[in-house]
Amino acid sequence: MSDNNIRVVFADKEENIWVGTQYGGLNLYNRKMMISSASSTIL
């Protein structure tokens, strides 16, 4: 997890879990991998 201060959690239709944090960016969790990145890197 990129930061401990979670602001939002969202599950999409592919069963991925997206976690947005206050200072650490966006985290993506699925059954195969975890990706942590600053939001500007993903967008």
N, C-alpha and C. Protein backbone atom coordinates (compact mmCIF):
# COMPACT_ATOMS: atom_id res chain seq x y z
N MET A 1 0.86 -1.17 0.00
CA MET A 1 0.00 0.00 0.00
C MET A 1 0.90 1.23 0.00
N SER A 2 0.56 2.18 -0.83
CA SER A 2 1.41 3.36 -1.00
C SER A 2 1.32 4.36 0.15
N ASP A 3 0.23 4.31 0.94
CA ASP A 3 0.06 5.23 2.06
C ASP A 3 -0.98 4.62 3.00
N ASN A 4 -0.88 4.90 4.29
CA ASN A 4 -1.82 4.34 5.27
C ASN A 4 -3.13 5.11 5.38
N ASN A 5 -3.21 6.30 4.83
CA ASN A 5 -4.41 7.13 4.93
C ASN A 5 -5.30 6.90 3.71
N ILE A 6 -6.19 5.91 3.80
CA ILE A 6 -7.07 5.54 2.69
C ILE A 6 -8.22 6.54 2.59
N ARG A 7 -8.46 7.02 1.38
CA ARG A 7 -9.53 7.99 1.12
C ARG A 7 -10.73 7.36 0.42
N VAL A 8 -10.49 6.37 -0.46
CA VAL A 8 -11.58 5.75 -1.22
C VAL A 8 -11.20 4.32 -1.60
N VAL A 9 -12.21 3.43 -1.61
CA VAL A 9 -12.04 2.05 -2.07
C VAL A 9 -13.14 1.77 -3.09
N PHE A 10 -12.78 1.16 -4.22
CA PHE A 10 -13.74 0.90 -5.29
C PHE A 10 -13.46 -0.46 -5.90
N ALA A 11 -14.52 -1.25 -6.12
CA ALA A 11 -14.41 -2.53 -6.83
C ALA A 11 -15.03 -2.35 -8.21
N ASP A 12 -14.26 -2.66 -9.26
CA ASP A 12 -14.80 -2.51 -10.61
C ASP A 12 -15.43 -3.82 -11.10
N LYS A 13 -15.96 -3.82 -12.31
CA LYS A 13 -16.69 -4.99 -12.82
C LYS A 13 -15.78 -6.19 -13.11
N GLU A 14 -14.47 -5.98 -13.21
CA GLU A 14 -13.52 -7.09 -13.38
C GLU A 14 -13.02 -7.62 -12.04
N GLU A 15 -13.63 -7.19 -10.95
CA GLU A 15 -13.29 -7.59 -9.58
C GLU A 15 -11.92 -7.10 -9.14
N ASN A 16 -11.44 -6.02 -9.73
CA ASN A 16 -10.24 -5.35 -9.25
C ASN A 16 -10.65 -4.44 -8.10
N ILE A 17 -9.76 -4.28 -7.15
CA ILE A 17 -9.98 -3.36 -6.03
C ILE A 17 -9.03 -2.18 -6.20
N TRP A 18 -9.60 -0.99 -6.28
CA TRP A 18 -8.84 0.25 -6.39
C TRP A 18 -8.88 0.96 -5.04
N VAL A 19 -7.72 1.37 -4.54
CA VAL A 19 -7.62 2.07 -3.26
C VAL A 19 -6.89 3.39 -3.50
N GLY A 20 -7.58 4.48 -3.24
CA GLY A 20 -6.97 5.80 -3.34
C GLY A 20 -6.55 6.28 -1.97
N THR A 21 -5.33 6.76 -1.86
CA THR A 21 -4.82 7.24 -0.58
C THR A 21 -4.58 8.74 -0.63
N GLN A 22 -4.48 9.34 0.53
CA GLN A 22 -4.35 10.80 0.59
C GLN A 22 -3.04 11.29 -0.01
N TYR A 23 -1.94 10.65 0.33
CA TYR A 23 -0.63 11.15 -0.12
C TYR A 23 0.12 10.17 -1.01
N GLY A 24 -0.31 8.92 -1.06
CA GLY A 24 0.47 7.90 -1.75
C GLY A 24 -0.01 7.50 -3.11
N GLY A 25 -1.05 8.12 -3.62
CA GLY A 25 -1.49 7.81 -4.97
C GLY A 25 -2.58 6.75 -5.03
N LEU A 26 -2.53 5.94 -6.07
CA LEU A 26 -3.56 4.97 -6.38
C LEU A 26 -2.98 3.57 -6.35
N ASN A 27 -3.71 2.63 -5.75
CA ASN A 27 -3.27 1.25 -5.64
C ASN A 27 -4.30 0.35 -6.30
N LEU A 28 -3.84 -0.61 -7.07
CA LEU A 28 -4.71 -1.56 -7.75
C LEU A 28 -4.38 -2.96 -7.26
N TYR A 29 -5.40 -3.69 -6.82
CA TYR A 29 -5.24 -5.07 -6.37
C TYR A 29 -6.14 -5.96 -7.22
N ASN A 30 -5.57 -7.05 -7.72
CA ASN A 30 -6.39 -8.07 -8.35
C ASN A 30 -5.84 -9.43 -7.94
N ARG A 31 -6.35 -10.49 -8.51
CA ARG A 31 -5.94 -11.83 -8.09
C ARG A 31 -4.50 -12.16 -8.48
N LYS A 32 -3.93 -11.46 -9.45
CA LYS A 32 -2.60 -11.79 -9.95
C LYS A 32 -1.50 -10.85 -9.47
N MET A 33 -1.85 -9.60 -9.17
CA MET A 33 -0.79 -8.64 -8.84
C MET A 33 -1.33 -7.46 -8.04
N MET A 34 -0.40 -6.68 -7.52
CA MET A 34 -0.71 -5.42 -6.86
C MET A 34 0.14 -4.35 -7.53
N ILE A 35 -0.49 -3.22 -7.83
CA ILE A 35 0.23 -2.09 -8.42
C ILE A 35 0.02 -0.88 -7.52
N SER A 36 1.10 -0.24 -7.12
CA SER A 36 1.04 1.01 -6.36
C SER A 36 1.73 2.08 -7.18
N SER A 37 1.06 3.22 -7.34
CA SER A 37 1.64 4.28 -8.15
C SER A 37 1.03 5.61 -7.79
N ALA A 38 1.77 6.66 -8.03
CA ALA A 38 1.19 8.00 -7.94
C ALA A 38 0.17 8.13 -9.05
N SER A 39 -0.91 8.81 -8.80
CA SER A 39 -1.99 8.90 -9.78
C SER A 39 -1.54 9.51 -11.10
N SER A 40 -0.60 10.43 -11.08
CA SER A 40 -0.14 11.05 -12.32
C SER A 40 0.61 10.05 -13.21
N THR A 41 1.19 9.01 -12.62
CA THR A 41 1.87 7.99 -13.39
C THR A 41 0.88 7.10 -14.14
N ILE A 42 -0.25 6.78 -13.52
CA ILE A 42 -1.25 5.91 -14.12
C ILE A 42 -2.03 6.64 -15.19
N LEU A 43 -2.36 7.91 -14.93
CA LEU A 43 -3.19 8.65 -15.87
C LEU A 43 -2.42 9.13 -17.02
